[in-house]
């Protein structure tokens, strides 16, 4: 049985309706004020959960400043334990961007080993795993299927850092989103063929313009980081989060009408 059932009813409903929004503060963002502001913006803007660095103090901070479900991200399974004790409801292997900047990549074997180790340590905590965008699409699909076999509860795609838009404005938004949208679509198509029923979260490089496309490609949720956390004031962050959530709701309405 999927551990998704352990999450709050509102989260399960948002996944079913394909309108769940996660705001990402950053795997290596341990700045207390920054995380506090991002959490407040996510909460006031209508997001469903916040994804923060894996540190118990930050989990306490997030829970004190919002009622949002807290996800913690890391690539070191052992440190999930204390953050779960502090109140994190979801754990994630991923948000690899800062490692790519250092020339560190994650192989299929590495991701699977991290997944198995995490499942051994915390078998009863819902687990999301990011499929590295540095792999060819067919290898991403293969890894997603293997992660499903390991009992992963959410598969997350990525790709923003591998995309270098040539254009500005709306066209640039589309160009930026292509890698994660392509991975989302490919994984979703194979999941359908194999009757795998695991939600896909499309993340990295998405915006208000392209979030609905992620849903059309098969995602049940979207994760957004830099579109929010790179802003320098709370009001702007709230406005962006509201716009993102509204774009997801509108995509549902359009789907029902069609």
Protein backbone atom coordinates (compact mmCIF):
# COMPACT_ATOMS: atom_id res chain seq x y z
CA UNK A 1 0.00 0.00 0.00
CA UNK A 2 1.31 3.44 -0.92
CA UNK A 3 2.47 5.54 1.99
CA UNK A 4 0.76 8.48 0.26
CA UNK A 5 -2.24 7.35 2.31
CA UNK A 6 -0.41 8.55 5.44
CA UNK A 7 -0.39 12.14 4.18
CA UNK A 8 -3.17 14.62 5.06
CA UNK A 9 -6.43 14.31 3.16
CA UNK A 10 -5.94 17.72 1.54
CA UNK A 11 -2.64 16.59 0.04
CA UNK A 12 -4.18 13.39 -1.32
CA UNK A 13 -7.03 15.39 -2.84
CA UNK A 14 -4.62 17.83 -4.52
CA UNK A 15 -2.67 14.91 -5.98
CA UNK A 16 -5.86 13.29 -7.27
CA UNK A 17 -6.99 16.55 -8.85
CA UNK A 18 -3.48 17.16 -10.26
CA UNK A 19 -3.14 20.58 -8.67
CA UNK A 20 -0.57 20.08 -5.92
CA UNK A 21 2.04 22.83 -5.62
CA UNK A 22 5.33 22.42 -3.78
CA UNK A 23 7.60 25.39 -3.10
CA UNK A 24 11.29 24.49 -2.83
CA UNK A 25 13.63 26.55 -0.66
CA UNK A 26 16.78 24.63 -1.64
CA UNK A 27 18.64 21.56 -0.40
CA UNK A 28 21.59 23.68 0.76
CA UNK A 29 19.64 26.72 1.93
CA UNK A 30 20.23 26.74 5.68
CA UNK A 31 19.67 30.50 6.05
CA UNK A 32 17.00 30.76 8.74
CA UNK A 33 15.56 34.09 7.57
CA UNK A 34 15.49 33.00 3.95
CA UNK A 35 13.71 29.74 4.76
CA UNK A 36 11.26 31.54 7.05
CA UNK A 37 10.34 34.01 4.30
CA UNK A 38 9.93 31.28 1.68
CA UNK A 39 7.74 29.23 4.01
CA UNK A 40 5.56 32.26 4.79
CA UNK A 41 5.23 33.07 1.09
CA UNK A 42 4.31 29.47 0.28
CA UNK A 43 1.69 29.44 3.00
CA UNK A 44 0.16 32.84 2.24
CA UNK A 45 0.29 32.19 -1.50
CA UNK A 46 -1.70 28.97 -1.28
CA UNK A 47 0.95 26.29 -1.85
CA UNK A 48 0.32 22.81 -0.48
CA UNK A 49 3.73 21.90 0.89
CA UNK A 50 7.20 23.30 1.29
CA UNK A 51 10.45 21.49 0.55
CA UNK A 52 13.33 22.58 2.78
CA UNK A 53 16.87 21.54 3.65
CA UNK A 54 17.09 18.53 5.93
CA UNK A 55 17.72 20.08 9.32
CA UNK A 56 15.48 19.67 12.41
CA UNK A 57 15.73 23.35 13.32
CA UNK A 58 14.37 24.33 9.91
CA UNK A 59 11.54 21.81 10.24
CA UNK A 60 10.57 23.38 13.58
CA UNK A 61 10.76 26.82 11.95
CA UNK A 62 8.53 25.77 9.06
CA UNK A 63 5.94 24.20 11.34
CA UNK A 64 5.91 27.27 13.60
CA UNK A 65 5.33 29.65 10.69
CA UNK A 66 2.76 27.74 8.66
CA UNK A 67 0.38 24.80 8.61
CA UNK A 68 1.95 23.46 5.40
CA UNK A 69 3.12 19.91 5.11
CA UNK A 70 6.92 19.86 5.37
CA UNK A 71 9.15 17.87 3.02
CA UNK A 72 12.90 17.66 3.63
CA UNK A 73 15.45 16.95 0.90
CA UNK A 74 18.86 15.34 1.18
CA UNK A 75 21.19 12.82 -0.42
CA UNK A 76 22.36 11.51 2.96
CA UNK A 77 19.72 9.05 4.22
CA UNK A 78 20.84 9.04 7.87
CA UNK A 79 20.07 12.71 8.40
CA UNK A 80 16.42 12.24 7.46
CA UNK A 81 15.79 10.60 10.84
CA UNK A 82 16.07 13.67 13.06
CA UNK A 83 14.06 15.83 10.66
CA UNK A 84 11.24 13.29 10.65
CA UNK A 85 11.32 13.29 14.45
CA UNK A 86 11.06 17.10 14.26
CA UNK A 87 7.87 16.85 12.21
CA UNK A 88 8.71 16.39 8.52
CA UNK A 89 5.93 14.39 6.84
CA UNK A 90 7.66 13.63 3.54
CA UNK A 91 11.29 12.94 2.70
CA UNK A 92 12.97 13.38 -0.65
CA UNK A 93 16.15 12.13 -2.24
CA UNK A 94 16.94 14.88 -4.66
CA UNK A 95 17.26 18.55 -5.49
CA UNK A 96 20.64 17.76 -7.04
CA UNK A 97 21.25 21.15 -8.65
CA UNK A 98 23.92 22.31 -6.21
CA UNK A 99 25.86 19.09 -6.82
CA UNK A 100 25.79 19.50 -10.59
CA UNK A 101 27.41 22.90 -10.12
CA UNK A 102 30.32 21.09 -8.44
CA UNK A 103 30.60 18.51 -11.21
CA UNK A 104 28.94 15.78 -9.13
CA UNK A 105 26.40 13.58 -10.93
CA UNK A 106 24.14 10.80 -9.69
CA UNK A 107 24.11 7.45 -11.47
CA UNK A 108 21.21 5.00 -11.53
CA UNK A 109 23.10 2.76 -9.12
CA UNK A 110 23.72 5.65 -6.72
CA UNK A 111 20.06 6.74 -6.69
CA UNK A 112 18.83 3.17 -6.19
CA UNK A 113 21.29 2.58 -3.33
CA UNK A 114 20.23 5.82 -1.64
CA UNK A 115 16.60 4.79 -2.06
CA UNK A 116 17.13 1.33 -0.56
CA UNK A 117 19.11 2.75 2.35
CA UNK A 118 16.44 5.35 3.06
CA UNK A 119 13.63 2.77 2.88
CA UNK A 120 15.54 0.56 5.33
CA UNK A 121 15.97 3.45 7.77
CA UNK A 122 12.46 4.92 7.47
CA UNK A 123 10.15 2.28 5.98
CA UNK A 124 6.98 4.02 7.15
CA UNK A 125 7.68 7.56 5.91
CA UNK A 126 6.44 8.64 2.45
CA UNK A 127 9.41 8.95 0.10
CA UNK A 128 9.89 11.02 -3.04
CA UNK A 129 12.89 10.44 -5.29
CA UNK A 130 14.16 12.71 -8.04
CA UNK A 131 15.28 11.14 -11.31
CA UNK A 132 18.49 12.93 -12.41
CA UNK A 133 18.06 14.90 -15.63
CA UNK A 134 21.70 14.21 -16.54
CA UNK A 135 20.60 10.77 -17.75
CA UNK A 136 19.20 10.24 -21.27
CA UNK A 137 15.39 10.17 -21.30
CA UNK A 138 15.18 6.40 -21.82
CA UNK A 139 17.46 5.85 -18.82
CA UNK A 140 15.32 8.22 -16.73
CA UNK A 141 12.28 6.11 -17.61
CA UNK A 142 14.12 2.89 -16.68
CA UNK A 143 15.17 4.35 -13.34
CA UNK A 144 11.65 5.57 -12.59
CA UNK A 145 10.32 2.04 -13.12
CA UNK A 146 12.99 0.58 -10.84
CA UNK A 147 12.19 3.19 -8.18
CA UNK A 148 8.54 2.19 -8.40
CA UNK A 149 9.56 -1.41 -7.75
CA UNK A 150 11.48 -0.24 -4.68
CA UNK A 151 8.29 1.24 -3.24
CA UNK A 152 8.94 4.93 -3.86
CA UNK A 153 5.77 6.97 -3.32
CA UNK A 154 6.42 9.97 -5.62
CA UNK A 155 8.70 10.27 -8.65
CA UNK A 156 10.08 13.75 -9.28
CA UNK A 157 11.50 14.95 -12.57
CA UNK A 158 13.91 17.84 -13.06
CA UNK A 159 15.81 19.62 -15.78
CA UNK A 160 15.92 23.38 -15.35
CA UNK A 161 19.69 23.56 -14.96
CA UNK A 162 20.27 21.72 -18.24
CA UNK A 163 18.18 24.18 -20.21
CA UNK A 164 19.59 27.42 -21.57
CA UNK A 165 16.75 29.44 -23.10
CA UNK A 166 17.66 31.39 -26.21
CA UNK A 167 14.67 33.69 -25.93
CA UNK A 168 13.24 36.11 -23.41
CA UNK A 169 9.68 36.38 -22.18
CA UNK A 170 7.08 33.67 -22.74
CA UNK A 171 9.14 31.81 -25.33
CA UNK A 172 12.00 31.61 -22.86
CA UNK A 173 9.68 30.11 -20.24
CA UNK A 174 8.75 27.35 -22.67
CA UNK A 175 12.37 26.66 -23.59
CA UNK A 176 13.36 26.49 -19.92
CA UNK A 177 10.69 23.90 -19.12
CA UNK A 178 11.41 21.44 -21.94
CA UNK A 179 13.74 18.97 -20.11
CA UNK A 180 11.45 18.37 -17.12
CA UNK A 181 8.33 18.27 -19.33
CA UNK A 182 9.94 15.72 -21.64
CA UNK A 183 10.93 13.50 -18.71
CA UNK A 184 7.48 13.82 -17.16
CA UNK A 185 5.77 12.82 -20.40
CA UNK A 186 8.08 9.89 -21.10
CA UNK A 187 7.82 8.47 -17.57
CA UNK A 188 4.05 8.93 -17.49
CA UNK A 189 3.63 7.12 -20.81
CA UNK A 190 5.67 4.14 -19.59
CA UNK A 191 3.84 4.10 -16.25
CA UNK A 192 0.57 3.83 -18.17
CA UNK A 193 1.89 0.93 -20.24
CA UNK A 194 3.13 -0.88 -17.13
CA UNK A 195 0.05 0.01 -15.01
CA UNK A 196 2.23 1.81 -12.47
CA UNK A 197 0.13 4.12 -10.32
CA UNK A 198 2.63 6.49 -8.72
CA UNK A 199 2.22 10.28 -8.85
CA UNK A 200 4.80 12.25 -10.79
CA UNK A 201 5.96 15.64 -9.59
CA UNK A 202 7.39 17.80 -12.35
CA UNK A 203 9.96 20.23 -10.99
CA UNK A 204 12.76 22.57 -12.02
CA UNK A 205 12.49 25.26 -14.66
CA UNK A 206 8.72 25.69 -14.39
CA UNK A 207 6.75 28.92 -14.24
CA UNK A 208 3.16 30.12 -14.15
CA UNK A 209 3.15 29.81 -17.94
CA UNK A 210 4.38 26.21 -18.05
CA UNK A 211 2.96 24.58 -14.90
CA UNK A 212 -0.26 23.62 -16.76
CA UNK A 213 1.88 21.93 -19.41
CA UNK A 214 3.43 19.72 -16.74
CA UNK A 215 -0.03 18.55 -15.78
CA UNK A 216 -0.88 17.90 -19.43
CA UNK A 217 2.31 15.83 -19.70
CA UNK A 218 1.16 13.57 -16.86
CA UNK A 219 2.27 15.23 -13.63
CA UNK A 220 0.04 15.15 -10.57
CA UNK A 221 2.05 17.91 -8.91
CA UNK A 222 4.63 20.58 -9.64
CA UNK A 223 7.60 21.75 -7.64
CA UNK A 224 8.89 25.28 -8.08
CA UNK A 225 12.09 26.67 -6.60
CA UNK A 226 13.95 29.56 -8.21
CA UNK A 227 10.80 31.25 -9.54
CA UNK A 228 10.03 31.93 -5.86
CA UNK A 229 13.19 31.61 -3.79
CA UNK A 230 15.31 33.90 -5.98
CA UNK A 231 13.01 36.86 -5.28
CA UNK A 232 14.08 39.27 -2.59
CA UNK A 233 10.83 40.29 -0.88
CA UNK A 234 7.86 38.53 0.67
CA UNK A 235 5.15 40.33 -1.31
CA UNK A 236 6.65 39.36 -4.66
CA UNK A 237 7.06 35.77 -3.51
CA UNK A 238 3.43 35.55 -2.40
CA UNK A 239 2.25 36.95 -5.73
CA UNK A 240 4.26 34.37 -7.68
CA UNK A 241 3.02 31.47 -5.53
CA UNK A 242 -0.58 32.63 -5.97
CA UNK A 243 -0.08 32.87 -9.71
CA UNK A 244 1.38 29.36 -9.84
CA UNK A 245 -1.46 27.86 -7.83
CA UNK A 246 -4.03 29.72 -9.91
CA UNK A 247 -2.50 28.40 -13.12
CA UNK A 248 -2.88 24.84 -11.82
CA UNK A 249 -6.50 25.39 -10.83
CA UNK A 250 -7.28 26.92 -14.22
CA UNK A 251 -5.72 23.95 -16.00
CA UNK A 252 -8.09 21.64 -14.11
CA UNK A 253 -11.08 23.75 -15.07
CA UNK A 254 -10.05 23.72 -18.73
CA UNK A 255 -9.58 19.95 -18.63
CA UNK A 256 -13.05 19.42 -17.18
CA UNK A 257 -14.63 21.69 -19.79
CA UNK A 258 -12.88 19.93 -22.65
